[in-house]
PDB file of all heavy atoms in Angstrom:
ATOM      1  N   ALA A   1     -13.108  -3.342   7.802  1.00  0.00           N
ATOM      2  CA  ALA A   1     -12.737  -3.432   9.137  1.00  0.00           C
ATOM      3  C   ALA A   1     -13.349  -2.304  10.065  1.00  0.00           C
ATOM      4  O   ALA A   1     -13.427  -2.470  11.305  1.00  0.00           O
ATOM      5  CB  ALA A   1     -11.235  -3.438   9.279  1.00  0.00           C
ATOM      6  N   ASN A   2     -13.765  -1.153   9.396  1.00  0.00           N
ATOM      7  CA  ASN A   2     -14.323  -0.064  10.119  1.00  0.00           C
ATOM      8  C   ASN A   2     -15.592   0.419   9.459  1.00  0.00           C
ATOM      9  O   ASN A   2     -15.636   1.541   8.870  1.00  0.00           O
ATOM     10  CB  ASN A   2     -13.277   1.105  10.121  1.00  0.00           C
ATOM     11  CG  ASN A   2     -11.954   0.706  10.740  1.00  0.00           C
ATOM     12  OD1 ASN A   2     -11.767   0.732  11.891  1.00  0.00           O
ATOM     13  ND2 ASN A   2     -11.044   0.262   9.909  1.00  0.00           N
ATOM     14  N   PRO A   3     -16.623  -0.435   9.474  1.00  0.00           N
ATOM     15  CA  PRO A   3     -17.814  -0.150   8.626  1.00  0.00           C
ATOM     16  C   PRO A   3     -18.825   0.877   9.263  1.00  0.00           C
ATOM     17  O   PRO A   3     -19.641   1.415   8.630  1.00  0.00           O
ATOM     18  CB  PRO A   3     -18.501  -1.444   8.668  1.00  0.00           C
ATOM     19  CG  PRO A   3     -18.177  -2.207   9.923  1.00  0.00           C
ATOM     20  CD  PRO A   3     -16.743  -1.773  10.148  1.00  0.00           C
ATOM     21  N   THR A   4     -18.711   1.217  10.620  1.00  0.00           N
ATOM     22  CA  THR A   4     -19.608   2.125  11.134  1.00  0.00           C
ATOM     23  C   THR A   4     -19.036   3.564  10.968  1.00  0.00           C
ATOM     24  O   THR A   4     -17.841   3.789  10.728  1.00  0.00           O
ATOM     25  CB  THR A   4     -19.810   1.977  12.680  1.00  0.00           C
ATOM     26  OG1 THR A   4     -18.553   2.378  13.340  1.00  0.00           O
ATOM     27  CG2 THR A   4     -20.207   0.508  12.981  1.00  0.00           C
ATOM     28  N   LEU A   5     -19.959   4.559  10.947  1.00  0.00           N
ATOM     29  CA  LEU A   5     -19.512   5.911  10.681  1.00  0.00           C
ATOM     30  C   LEU A   5     -18.459   6.402  11.696  1.00  0.00           C
ATOM     31  O   LEU A   5     -17.514   7.068  11.345  1.00  0.00           O
ATOM     32  CB  LEU A   5     -20.689   6.855  10.625  1.00  0.00           C
ATOM     33  CG  LEU A   5     -20.438   8.279  10.215  1.00  0.00           C
ATOM     34  CD1 LEU A   5     -21.457   8.797   9.306  1.00  0.00           C
ATOM     35  CD2 LEU A   5     -20.357   9.244  11.457  1.00  0.00           C
ATOM     36  N   ALA A   6     -18.646   6.027  12.981  1.00  0.00           N
ATOM     37  CA  ALA A   6     -17.624   6.458  14.019  1.00  0.00           C
ATOM     38  C   ALA A   6     -16.272   5.919  13.768  1.00  0.00           C
ATOM     39  O   ALA A   6     -15.282   6.546  13.916  1.00  0.00           O
ATOM     40  CB  ALA A   6     -18.204   6.129  15.352  1.00  0.00           C
ATOM     41  N   GLN A   7     -16.325   4.656  13.424  1.00  0.00           N
ATOM     42  CA  GLN A   7     -15.043   3.979  13.139  1.00  0.00           C
ATOM     43  C   GLN A   7     -14.287   4.522  11.939  1.00  0.00           C
ATOM     44  O   GLN A   7     -13.049   4.734  11.998  1.00  0.00           O
ATOM     45  CB  GLN A   7     -15.263   2.427  12.934  1.00  0.00           C
ATOM     46  CG  GLN A   7     -15.720   1.692  14.129  1.00  0.00           C
ATOM     47  CD  GLN A   7     -16.121   0.267  13.788  1.00  0.00           C
ATOM     48  OE1 GLN A   7     -16.592  -0.071  12.717  1.00  0.00           O
ATOM     49  NE2 GLN A   7     -15.984  -0.609  14.813  1.00  0.00           N
ATOM     50  N   LEU A   8     -15.104   4.752  10.870  1.00  0.00           N
ATOM     51  CA  LEU A   8     -14.487   5.329   9.649  1.00  0.00           C
ATOM     52  C   LEU A   8     -13.971   6.724   9.845  1.00  0.00           C
ATOM     53  O   LEU A   8     -12.927   7.082   9.349  1.00  0.00           O
ATOM     54  CB  LEU A   8     -15.516   5.266   8.507  1.00  0.00           C
ATOM     55  CG  LEU A   8     -14.926   5.270   7.122  1.00  0.00           C
ATOM     56  CD1 LEU A   8     -14.034   4.034   6.852  1.00  0.00           C
ATOM     57  CD2 LEU A   8     -16.036   5.313   6.096  1.00  0.00           C
ATOM     58  N   ALA A   9     -14.696   7.512  10.669  1.00  0.00           N
ATOM     59  CA  ALA A   9     -14.321   8.874  11.002  1.00  0.00           C
ATOM     60  C   ALA A   9     -13.037   8.928  11.787  1.00  0.00           C
ATOM     61  O   ALA A   9     -12.172   9.691  11.605  1.00  0.00           O
ATOM     62  CB  ALA A   9     -15.420   9.581  11.773  1.00  0.00           C
ATOM     63  N   ALA A  10     -12.875   7.915  12.688  1.00  0.00           N
ATOM     64  CA  ALA A  10     -11.620   7.808  13.457  1.00  0.00           C
ATOM     65  C   ALA A  10     -10.528   7.571  12.573  1.00  0.00           C
ATOM     66  O   ALA A  10      -9.375   8.088  12.751  1.00  0.00           O
ATOM     67  CB  ALA A  10     -11.792   6.813  14.542  1.00  0.00           C
ATOM     68  N   LEU A  11     -10.710   6.686  11.538  1.00  0.00           N
ATOM     69  CA  LEU A  11      -9.659   6.381  10.559  1.00  0.00           C
ATOM     70  C   LEU A  11      -9.263   7.587   9.766  1.00  0.00           C
ATOM     71  O   LEU A  11      -8.117   7.850   9.539  1.00  0.00           O
ATOM     72  CB  LEU A  11     -10.107   5.248   9.779  1.00  0.00           C
ATOM     73  CG  LEU A  11      -9.042   4.645   8.740  1.00  0.00           C
ATOM     74  CD1 LEU A  11      -7.920   3.992   9.489  1.00  0.00           C
ATOM     75  CD2 LEU A  11      -9.669   3.588   7.841  1.00  0.00           C
ATOM     76  N   VAL A  12     -10.248   8.350   9.373  1.00  0.00           N
ATOM     77  CA  VAL A  12     -10.027   9.492   8.570  1.00  0.00           C
ATOM     78  C   VAL A  12      -9.292  10.595   9.337  1.00  0.00           C
ATOM     79  O   VAL A  12      -8.338  11.188   8.906  1.00  0.00           O
ATOM     80  CB  VAL A  12     -11.337  10.193   8.124  1.00  0.00           C
ATOM     81  CG1 VAL A  12     -11.134  11.552   7.426  1.00  0.00           C
ATOM     82  CG2 VAL A  12     -12.020   9.214   7.061  1.00  0.00           C
ATOM     83  N   ARG A  13      -9.623  10.774  10.667  1.00  0.00           N
ATOM     84  CA  ARG A  13      -8.886  11.668  11.492  1.00  0.00           C
ATOM     85  C   ARG A  13      -7.450  11.285  11.618  1.00  0.00           C
ATOM     86  O   ARG A  13      -6.555  12.079  11.595  1.00  0.00           O
ATOM     87  CB  ARG A  13      -9.506  11.697  12.919  1.00  0.00           C
ATOM     88  CG  ARG A  13     -10.794  12.551  12.952  1.00  0.00           C
ATOM     89  CD  ARG A  13     -11.195  12.799  14.389  1.00  0.00           C
ATOM     90  NE  ARG A  13     -11.573  11.595  15.092  1.00  0.00           N
ATOM     91  CZ  ARG A  13     -12.696  11.108  15.180  1.00  0.00           C
ATOM     92  NH1 ARG A  13     -13.774  11.648  14.516  1.00  0.00           N
ATOM     93  NH2 ARG A  13     -12.963   9.973  15.819  1.00  0.00           N
ATOM     94  N   ALA A  14      -7.216  10.003  11.791  1.00  0.00           N
ATOM     95  CA  ALA A  14      -5.825   9.542  11.995  1.00  0.00           C
ATOM     96  C   ALA A  14      -5.035   9.651  10.686  1.00  0.00           C
ATOM     97  O   ALA A  14      -3.857   9.861  10.712  1.00  0.00           O
ATOM     98  CB  ALA A  14      -5.752   7.981  12.358  1.00  0.00           C
ATOM     99  N   ARG A  15      -5.688   9.524   9.542  1.00  0.00           N
ATOM    100  CA  ARG A  15      -5.065   9.590   8.225  1.00  0.00           C
ATOM    101  C   ARG A  15      -4.806  10.996   7.759  1.00  0.00           C
ATOM    102  O   ARG A  15      -4.093  11.254   6.861  1.00  0.00           O
ATOM    103  CB  ARG A  15      -5.878   8.775   7.251  1.00  0.00           C
ATOM    104  CG  ARG A  15      -5.294   8.566   5.897  1.00  0.00           C
ATOM    105  CD  ARG A  15      -4.069   7.761   5.811  1.00  0.00           C
ATOM    106  NE  ARG A  15      -4.179   6.514   6.449  1.00  0.00           N
ATOM    107  CZ  ARG A  15      -4.852   5.468   5.991  1.00  0.00           C
ATOM    108  NH1 ARG A  15      -5.581   5.566   4.829  1.00  0.00           N
ATOM    109  NH2 ARG A  15      -5.010   4.378   6.669  1.00  0.00           N
ATOM    110  N   HIS A  16      -5.648  11.919   8.269  1.00  0.00           N
ATOM    111  CA  HIS A  16      -5.695  13.263   7.699  1.00  0.00           C
ATOM    112  C   HIS A  16      -4.289  13.852   7.760  1.00  0.00           C
ATOM    113  O   HIS A  16      -3.568  13.873   8.792  1.00  0.00           O
ATOM    114  CB  HIS A  16      -6.612  14.186   8.523  1.00  0.00           C
ATOM    115  CG  HIS A  16      -6.836  15.514   7.875  1.00  0.00           C
ATOM    116  ND1 HIS A  16      -7.519  15.656   6.705  1.00  0.00           N
ATOM    117  CD2 HIS A  16      -6.405  16.750   8.232  1.00  0.00           C
ATOM    118  CE1 HIS A  16      -7.559  16.983   6.402  1.00  0.00           C
ATOM    119  NE2 HIS A  16      -6.880  17.656   7.286  1.00  0.00           N
ATOM    120  N   GLY A  17      -3.845  14.482   6.588  1.00  0.00           N
ATOM    121  CA  GLY A  17      -2.515  15.003   6.466  1.00  0.00           C
ATOM    122  C   GLY A  17      -1.506  14.098   6.008  1.00  0.00           C
ATOM    123  O   GLY A  17      -0.357  14.519   5.756  1.00  0.00           O
ATOM    124  N   ALA A  18      -1.742  12.756   5.970  1.00  0.00           N
ATOM    125  CA  ALA A  18      -0.754  11.821   5.521  1.00  0.00           C
ATOM    126  C   ALA A  18      -0.637  11.821   4.001  1.00  0.00           C
ATOM    127  O   ALA A  18      -1.505  12.339   3.385  1.00  0.00           O
ATOM    128  CB  ALA A  18      -1.199  10.357   5.914  1.00  0.00           C
ATOM    129  N   VAL A  19       0.488  11.449   3.433  1.00  0.00           N
ATOM    130  CA  VAL A  19       0.693  11.369   2.069  1.00  0.00           C
ATOM    131  C   VAL A  19      -0.365  10.389   1.416  1.00  0.00           C
ATOM    132  O   VAL A  19      -0.534   9.322   1.879  1.00  0.00           O
ATOM    133  CB  VAL A  19       2.095  10.884   1.626  1.00  0.00           C
ATOM    134  CG1 VAL A  19       2.240  10.827   0.191  1.00  0.00           C
ATOM    135  CG2 VAL A  19       3.091  11.869   2.269  1.00  0.00           C
ATOM    136  N   LEU A  20      -1.073  10.895   0.379  1.00  0.00           N
ATOM    137  CA  LEU A  20      -2.089  10.046  -0.151  1.00  0.00           C
ATOM    138  C   LEU A  20      -1.672   8.715  -0.648  1.00  0.00           C
ATOM    139  O   LEU A  20      -2.364   7.736  -0.522  1.00  0.00           O
ATOM    140  CB  LEU A  20      -2.806  10.803  -1.307  1.00  0.00           C
ATOM    141  CG  LEU A  20      -3.659  12.056  -0.875  1.00  0.00           C
ATOM    142  CD1 LEU A  20      -4.303  12.657  -2.111  1.00  0.00           C
ATOM    143  CD2 LEU A  20      -4.666  11.762   0.201  1.00  0.00           C
ATOM    144  N   GLY A  21      -0.451   8.665  -1.232  1.00  0.00           N
ATOM    145  CA  GLY A  21      -0.017   7.438  -1.714  1.00  0.00           C
ATOM    146  C   GLY A  21       0.149   6.289  -0.622  1.00  0.00           C
ATOM    147  O   GLY A  21       0.175   5.180  -1.015  1.00  0.00           O
ATOM    148  N   ASP A  22       0.434   6.774   0.606  1.00  0.00           N
ATOM    149  CA  ASP A  22       0.579   5.799   1.640  1.00  0.00           C
ATOM    150  C   ASP A  22      -0.760   5.069   1.923  1.00  0.00           C
ATOM    151  O   ASP A  22      -0.750   3.979   2.562  1.00  0.00           O
ATOM    152  CB  ASP A  22       1.073   6.504   2.900  1.00  0.00           C
ATOM    153  CG  ASP A  22       2.496   6.946   2.773  1.00  0.00           C
ATOM    154  OD1 ASP A  22       3.173   6.500   1.892  1.00  0.00           O
ATOM    155  OD2 ASP A  22       2.832   7.864   3.518  1.00  0.00           O
ATOM    156  N   ALA A  23      -1.860   5.668   1.503  1.00  0.00           N
ATOM    157  CA  ALA A  23      -3.182   5.032   1.824  1.00  0.00           C
ATOM    158  C   ALA A  23      -4.007   4.719   0.619  1.00  0.00           C
ATOM    159  O   ALA A  23      -5.200   4.677   0.559  1.00  0.00           O
ATOM    160  CB  ALA A  23      -3.961   6.063   2.722  1.00  0.00           C
ATOM    161  N   ALA A  24      -3.279   4.426  -0.526  1.00  0.00           N
ATOM    162  CA  ALA A  24      -4.031   4.179  -1.782  1.00  0.00           C
ATOM    163  C   ALA A  24      -4.858   2.876  -1.583  1.00  0.00           C
ATOM    164  O   ALA A  24      -4.430   2.030  -0.827  1.00  0.00           O
ATOM    165  CB  ALA A  24      -2.960   3.946  -2.901  1.00  0.00           C
ATOM    166  N   PRO A  25      -6.027   2.837  -2.185  1.00  0.00           N
ATOM    167  CA  PRO A  25      -6.907   1.672  -2.029  1.00  0.00           C
ATOM    168  C   PRO A  25      -6.321   0.322  -2.242  1.00  0.00           C
ATOM    169  O   PRO A  25      -6.622  -0.642  -1.593  1.00  0.00           O
ATOM    170  CB  PRO A  25      -8.081   1.912  -2.982  1.00  0.00           C
ATOM    171  CG  PRO A  25      -8.043   3.414  -3.214  1.00  0.00           C
ATOM    172  CD  PRO A  25      -6.583   3.808  -3.103  1.00  0.00           C
ATOM    173  N   PHE A  26      -5.315   0.218  -3.168  1.00  0.00           N
ATOM    174  CA  PHE A  26      -4.763  -1.057  -3.393  1.00  0.00           C
ATOM    175  C   PHE A  26      -3.290  -1.126  -2.893  1.00  0.00           C
ATOM    176  O   PHE A  26      -2.471  -1.894  -3.415  1.00  0.00           O
ATOM    177  CB  PHE A  26      -4.825  -1.373  -4.860  1.00  0.00           C
ATOM    178  CG  PHE A  26      -6.205  -1.428  -5.411  1.00  0.00           C
ATOM    179  CD1 PHE A  26      -6.705  -0.345  -6.098  1.00  0.00           C
ATOM    180  CD2 PHE A  26      -7.069  -2.426  -5.149  1.00  0.00           C
ATOM    181  CE1 PHE A  26      -8.103  -0.364  -6.521  1.00  0.00           C
ATOM    182  CE2 PHE A  26      -8.338  -2.479  -5.612  1.00  0.00           C
ATOM    183  CZ  PHE A  26      -8.850  -1.440  -6.218  1.00  0.00           C
ATOM    184  N   GLY A  27      -2.918  -0.266  -1.929  1.00  0.00           N
ATOM    185  CA  GLY A  27      -1.577  -0.344  -1.406  1.00  0.00           C
ATOM    186  C   GLY A  27      -0.641   0.515  -2.130  1.00  0.00           C
ATOM    187  O   GLY A  27      -0.891   1.068  -3.110  1.00  0.00           O
ATOM    188  N   ARG A  28       0.548   0.730  -1.549  1.00  0.00           N
ATOM    189  CA  ARG A  28       1.556   1.564  -2.117  1.00  0.00           C
ATOM    190  C   ARG A  28       2.593   0.680  -2.805  1.00  0.00           C
ATOM    191  O   ARG A  28       3.051  -0.381  -2.363  1.00  0.00           O
ATOM    192  CB  ARG A  28       2.245   2.349  -1.000  1.00  0.00           C
ATOM    193  CG  ARG A  28       3.267   3.372  -1.534  1.00  0.00           C
ATOM    194  CD  ARG A  28       3.885   4.079  -0.308  1.00  0.00           C
ATOM    195  NE  ARG A  28       4.795   5.003  -0.707  1.00  0.00           N
ATOM    196  CZ  ARG A  28       5.753   5.604   0.064  1.00  0.00           C
ATOM    197  NH1 ARG A  28       5.734   5.269   1.305  1.00  0.00           N
ATOM    198  NH2 ARG A  28       6.541   6.609  -0.294  1.00  0.00           N
ATOM    199  N   ILE A  29       3.071   1.093  -3.981  1.00  0.00           N
ATOM    200  CA  ILE A  29       4.090   0.348  -4.745  1.00  0.00           C
ATOM    201  C   ILE A  29       5.510   0.850  -4.274  1.00  0.00           C
ATOM    202  O   ILE A  29       5.806   1.916  -4.357  1.00  0.00           O
ATOM    203  CB  ILE A  29       3.931   0.639  -6.262  1.00  0.00           C
ATOM    204  CG1 ILE A  29       2.592   0.100  -6.695  1.00  0.00           C
ATOM    205  CG2 ILE A  29       5.094  -0.130  -7.027  1.00  0.00           C
ATOM    206  CD1 ILE A  29       2.347   0.396  -8.202  1.00  0.00           C
ATOM    207  N   ILE A  30       6.173  -0.113  -3.768  1.00  0.00           N
ATOM    208  CA  ILE A  30       7.549   0.206  -3.162  1.00  0.00           C
ATOM    209  C   ILE A  30       8.565  -0.266  -4.136  1.00  0.00           C
ATOM    210  O   ILE A  30       8.582  -1.385  -4.610  1.00  0.00           O
ATOM    211  CB  ILE A  30       7.747  -0.489  -1.774  1.00  0.00           C
ATOM    212  CG1 ILE A  30       6.578  -0.175  -0.850  1.00  0.00           C
ATOM    213  CG2 ILE A  30       9.055  -0.145  -1.173  1.00  0.00           C
ATOM    214  CD1 ILE A  30       6.523   1.267  -0.562  1.00  0.00           C
ATOM    215  N   ALA A  31       9.612   0.659  -4.388  1.00  0.00           N
ATOM    216  CA  ALA A  31      10.681   0.251  -5.290  1.00  0.00           C
ATOM    217  C   ALA A  31      11.547  -0.900  -4.645  1.00  0.00           C
ATOM    218  O   ALA A  31      11.850  -0.882  -3.522  1.00  0.00           O
ATOM    219  CB  ALA A  31      11.599   1.427  -5.531  1.00  0.00           C
ATOM    220  N   GLN A  32      11.815  -1.892  -5.515  1.00  0.00           N
ATOM    221  CA  GLN A  32      12.531  -3.082  -5.011  1.00  0.00           C
ATOM    222  C   GLN A  32      14.057  -2.638  -4.849  1.00  0.00           C
ATOM    223  O   GLN A  32      14.666  -2.134  -5.827  1.00  0.00           O
ATOM    224  CB  GLN A  32      12.465  -4.263  -5.968  1.00  0.00           C
ATOM    225  CG  GLN A  32      13.331  -5.469  -5.666  1.00  0.00           C
ATOM    226  CD  GLN A  32      12.864  -6.121  -4.395  1.00  0.00           C
ATOM    227  OE1 GLN A  32      11.646  -6.372  -4.293  1.00  0.00           O
ATOM    228  NE2 GLN A  32      13.738  -6.473  -3.519  1.00  0.00           N
ATOM    229  N   GLN A  33      14.555  -2.915  -3.639  1.00  0.00           N
ATOM    230  CA  GLN A  33      16.016  -2.588  -3.468  1.00  0.00           C
ATOM    231  C   GLN A  33      16.755  -3.912  -3.693  1.00  0.00           C
ATOM    232  O   GLN A  33      16.797  -4.776  -2.976  1.00  0.00           O
ATOM    233  CB  GLN A  33      16.195  -2.147  -1.983  1.00  0.00           C
ATOM    234  CG  GLN A  33      15.382  -0.905  -1.567  1.00  0.00           C
ATOM    235  CD  GLN A  33      15.804   0.269  -2.434  1.00  0.00           C
ATOM    236  OE1 GLN A  33      16.985   0.451  -2.753  1.00  0.00           O
ATOM    237  NE2 GLN A  33      14.817   1.092  -2.766  1.00  0.00           N
ATOM    238  N   ALA A  34      17.388  -3.924  -4.932  1.00  0.00           N
ATOM    239  CA  ALA A  34      18.021  -5.123  -5.365  1.00  0.00           C
ATOM    240  C   ALA A  34      19.342  -5.255  -4.658  1.00  0.00           C
ATOM    241  O   ALA A  34      20.258  -4.430  -4.840  1.00  0.00           O
ATOM    242  CB  ALA A  34      18.220  -5.094  -6.874  1.00  0.00           C
ATOM    243  N   ALA A  35      19.459  -6.234  -3.809  1.00  0.00           N
ATOM    244  CA  ALA A  35      20.741  -6.601  -3.173  1.00  0.00           C
ATOM    245  C   ALA A  35      21.590  -7.574  -3.924  1.00  0.00           C
ATOM    246  O   ALA A  35      22.763  -7.956  -3.534  1.00  0.00           O
ATOM    247  CB  ALA A  35      20.496  -7.048  -1.745  1.00  0.00           C
ATOM    248  N   GLY A  36      21.140  -8.019  -5.000  1.00  0.00           N
ATOM    249  CA  GLY A  36      21.847  -9.065  -5.826  1.00  0.00           C
ATOM    250  C   GLY A  36      20.890  -9.573  -6.885  1.00  0.00           C
ATOM    251  O   GLY A  36      19.801  -9.014  -7.052  1.00  0.00           O
ATOM    252  N   PRO A  37      21.281 -10.679  -7.556  1.00  0.00           N
ATOM    253  CA  PRO A  37      20.370 -11.285  -8.524  1.00  0.00           C
ATOM    254  C   PRO A  37      19.028 -11.644  -7.985  1.00  0.00           C
ATOM    255  O   PRO A  37      18.930 -12.111  -6.826  1.00  0.00           O
ATOM    256  CB  PRO A  37      21.186 -12.490  -9.060  1.00  0.00           C
ATOM    257  CG  PRO A  37      22.594 -12.169  -8.670  1.00  0.00           C
ATOM    258  CD  PRO A  37      22.586 -11.346  -7.469  1.00  0.00           C
ATOM    259  N   LEU A  38      17.945 -11.400  -8.787  1.00  0.00           N
ATOM    260  CA  LEU A  38      16.645 -11.746  -8.326  1.00  0.00           C
ATOM    261  C   LEU A  38      15.985 -12.740  -9.153  1.00  0.00           C
ATOM    262  O   LEU A  38      16.307 -12.872 -10.416  1.00  0.00           O
ATOM    263  CB  LEU A  38      15.717 -10.422  -8.431  1.00  0.00           C
ATOM    264  CG  LEU A  38      16.285  -9.282  -7.552  1.00  0.00           C
ATOM    265  CD1 LEU A  38      15.430  -7.994  -7.914  1.00  0.00           C
ATOM    266  CD2 LEU A  38      16.170  -9.514  -6.111  1.00  0.00           C
ATOM    267  N   PRO A  39      15.063 -13.623  -8.690  1.00  0.00           N
ATOM    268  CA  PRO A  39      14.482 -14.662  -9.527  1.00  0.00           C
ATOM    269  C   PRO A  39      13.500 -14.040 -10.517  1.00  0.00           C
ATOM    270  O   PRO A  39      13.050 -12.860 -10.387  1.00  0.00           O
ATOM    271  CB  PRO A  39      13.697 -15.501  -8.483  1.00  0.00           C
ATOM    272  CG  PRO A  39      13.479 -14.554  -7.334  1.00  0.00           C
ATOM    273  CD  PRO A  39      14.641 -13.645  -7.298  1.00  0.00           C
ATOM    274  N   LEU A  40      13.319 -14.660 -11.605  1.00  0.00           N
ATOM    275  CA  LEU A  40      12.416 -14.092 -12.657  1.00  0.00           C
ATOM    276  C   LEU A  40      11.012 -14.273 -12.315  1.00  0.00           C
ATOM    277  O   LEU A  40      10.642 -15.268 -11.537  1.00  0.00           O
ATOM    278  CB  LEU A  40      12.673 -14.884 -14.045  1.00  0.00           C
ATOM    279  CG  LEU A  40      14.054 -14.893 -14.616  1.00  0.00           C
ATOM    280  CD1 LEU A  40      13.967 -15.515 -16.048  1.00  0.00           C
ATOM    281  CD2 LEU A  40      14.628 -13.432 -14.692  1.00  0.00           C
ATOM    282  N   SER A  41      10.188 -13.398 -12.831  1.00  0.00           N
ATOM    283  CA  SER A  41       8.699 -13.619 -12.634  1.00  0.00           C
ATOM    284  C   SER A  41       8.251 -14.686 -13.483  1.00  0.00           C
ATOM    285  O   SER A  41       8.977 -15.097 -14.484  1.00  0.00           O
ATOM    286  CB  SER A  41       7.998 -12.315 -12.868  1.00  0.00           C
ATOM    287  OG  SER A  41       8.126 -11.937 -14.267  1.00  0.00           O
ATOM    288  N   CYS A  42       6.975 -15.074 -13.455  1.00  0.00           N
ATOM    289  CA  CYS A  42       6.475 -16.138 -14.288  1.00  0.00           C
ATOM    290  C   CYS A  42       6.524 -15.712 -15.752  1.00  0.00           C
ATOM    291  O   CYS A  42       6.908 -16.414 -16.620  1.00  0.00           O
ATOM    292  CB  CYS A  42       5.031 -16.506 -13.907  1.00  0.00           C
ATOM    293  SG  CYS A  42       4.888 -17.277 -12.291  1.00  0.00           S
ATOM    294  N   ALA A  43       6.072 -14.377 -16.006  1.00  0.00           N
ATOM    295  CA  ALA A  43       6.132 -13.927 -17.346  1.00  0.00           C
ATOM    296  C   ALA A  43       7.520 -13.845 -17.899  1.00  0.00           C
ATOM    297  O   ALA A  43       7.845 -14.174 -19.064  1.00  0.00           O
ATOM    298  CB  ALA A  43       5.508 -12.507 -17.463  1.00  0.00           C
ATOM    299  N   GLN A  44       8.538 -13.429 -17.019  1.00  0.00           N
ATOM    300  CA  GLN A  44       9.882 -13.395 -17.523  1.00  0.00           C
ATOM    301  C   GLN A  44      10.445 -14.771 -17.780  1.00  0.00           C
ATOM    302  O   GLN A  44      11.259 -14.945 -18.767  1.00  0.00           O
ATOM    303  CB  GLN A  44      10.775 -12.637 -16.460  1.00  0.00           C
ATOM    304  CG  GLN A  44      10.482 -11.180 -16.355  1.00  0.00           C
ATOM    305  CD  GLN A  44      11.234 -10.585 -15.202  1.00  0.00           C
ATOM    306  OE1 GLN A  44      11.468 -11.194 -14.168  1.00  0.00           O
ATOM    307  NE2 GLN A  44      11.447  -9.245 -15.236  1.00  0.00           N
ATOM    308  N   GLN A  45       9.979 -15.762 -17.049  1.00  0.00           N
ATOM    309  CA  GLN A  45      10.482 -17.117 -17.310  1.00  0.00           C
ATOM    310  C   GLN A  45       9.991 -17.618 -18.719  1.00  0.00           C
ATOM    311  O   GLN A  45      10.761 -18.258 -19.371  1.00  0.00           O
ATOM    312  CB  GLN A  45       9.978 -18.048 -16.136  1.00  0.00           C
ATOM    313  CG  GLN A  45      10.650 -17.843 -14.849  1.00  0.00           C
ATOM    314  CD  GLN A  45      10.094 -18.773 -13.791  1.00  0.00           C
ATOM    315  OE1 GLN A  45       9.678 -19.946 -14.055  1.00  0.00           O
ATOM    316  NE2 GLN A  45      10.024 -18.291 -12.566  1.00  0.00           N
ATOM    317  N   GLN A  46       8.764 -17.282 -18.962  1.00  0.00           N
ATOM    318  CA  GLN A  46       8.194 -17.661 -20.252  1.00  0.00           C
ATOM    319  C   GLN A  46       9.008 -17.049 -21.420  1.00  0.00           C
ATOM    320  O   GLN A  46       9.405 -17.767 -22.424  1.00  0.00           O
ATOM    321  CB  GLN A  46       6.767 -17.268 -20.356  1.00  0.00           C
ATOM    322  CG  GLN A  46       5.809 -17.999 -19.451  1.00  0.00           C
ATOM    323  CD  GLN A  46       4.403 -17.448 -19.412  1.00  0.00           C
ATOM    324  OE1 GLN A  46       3.980 -16.957 -20.442  1.00  0.00           O
ATOM    325  NE2 GLN A  46       3.719 -17.561 -18.305  1.00  0.00           N
TER     326      GLN A  46
END
């Protein structure tokens, strides 16, 4: 989405100082807040 050097630099400036986990290449893993019974995953169903 930001392939030019100027665009990428602007993103780096905005991100500088943020927690690295918030900007991990494949996203951040968020703990599931269980409010009750949850459906099984496909592997769990098997």
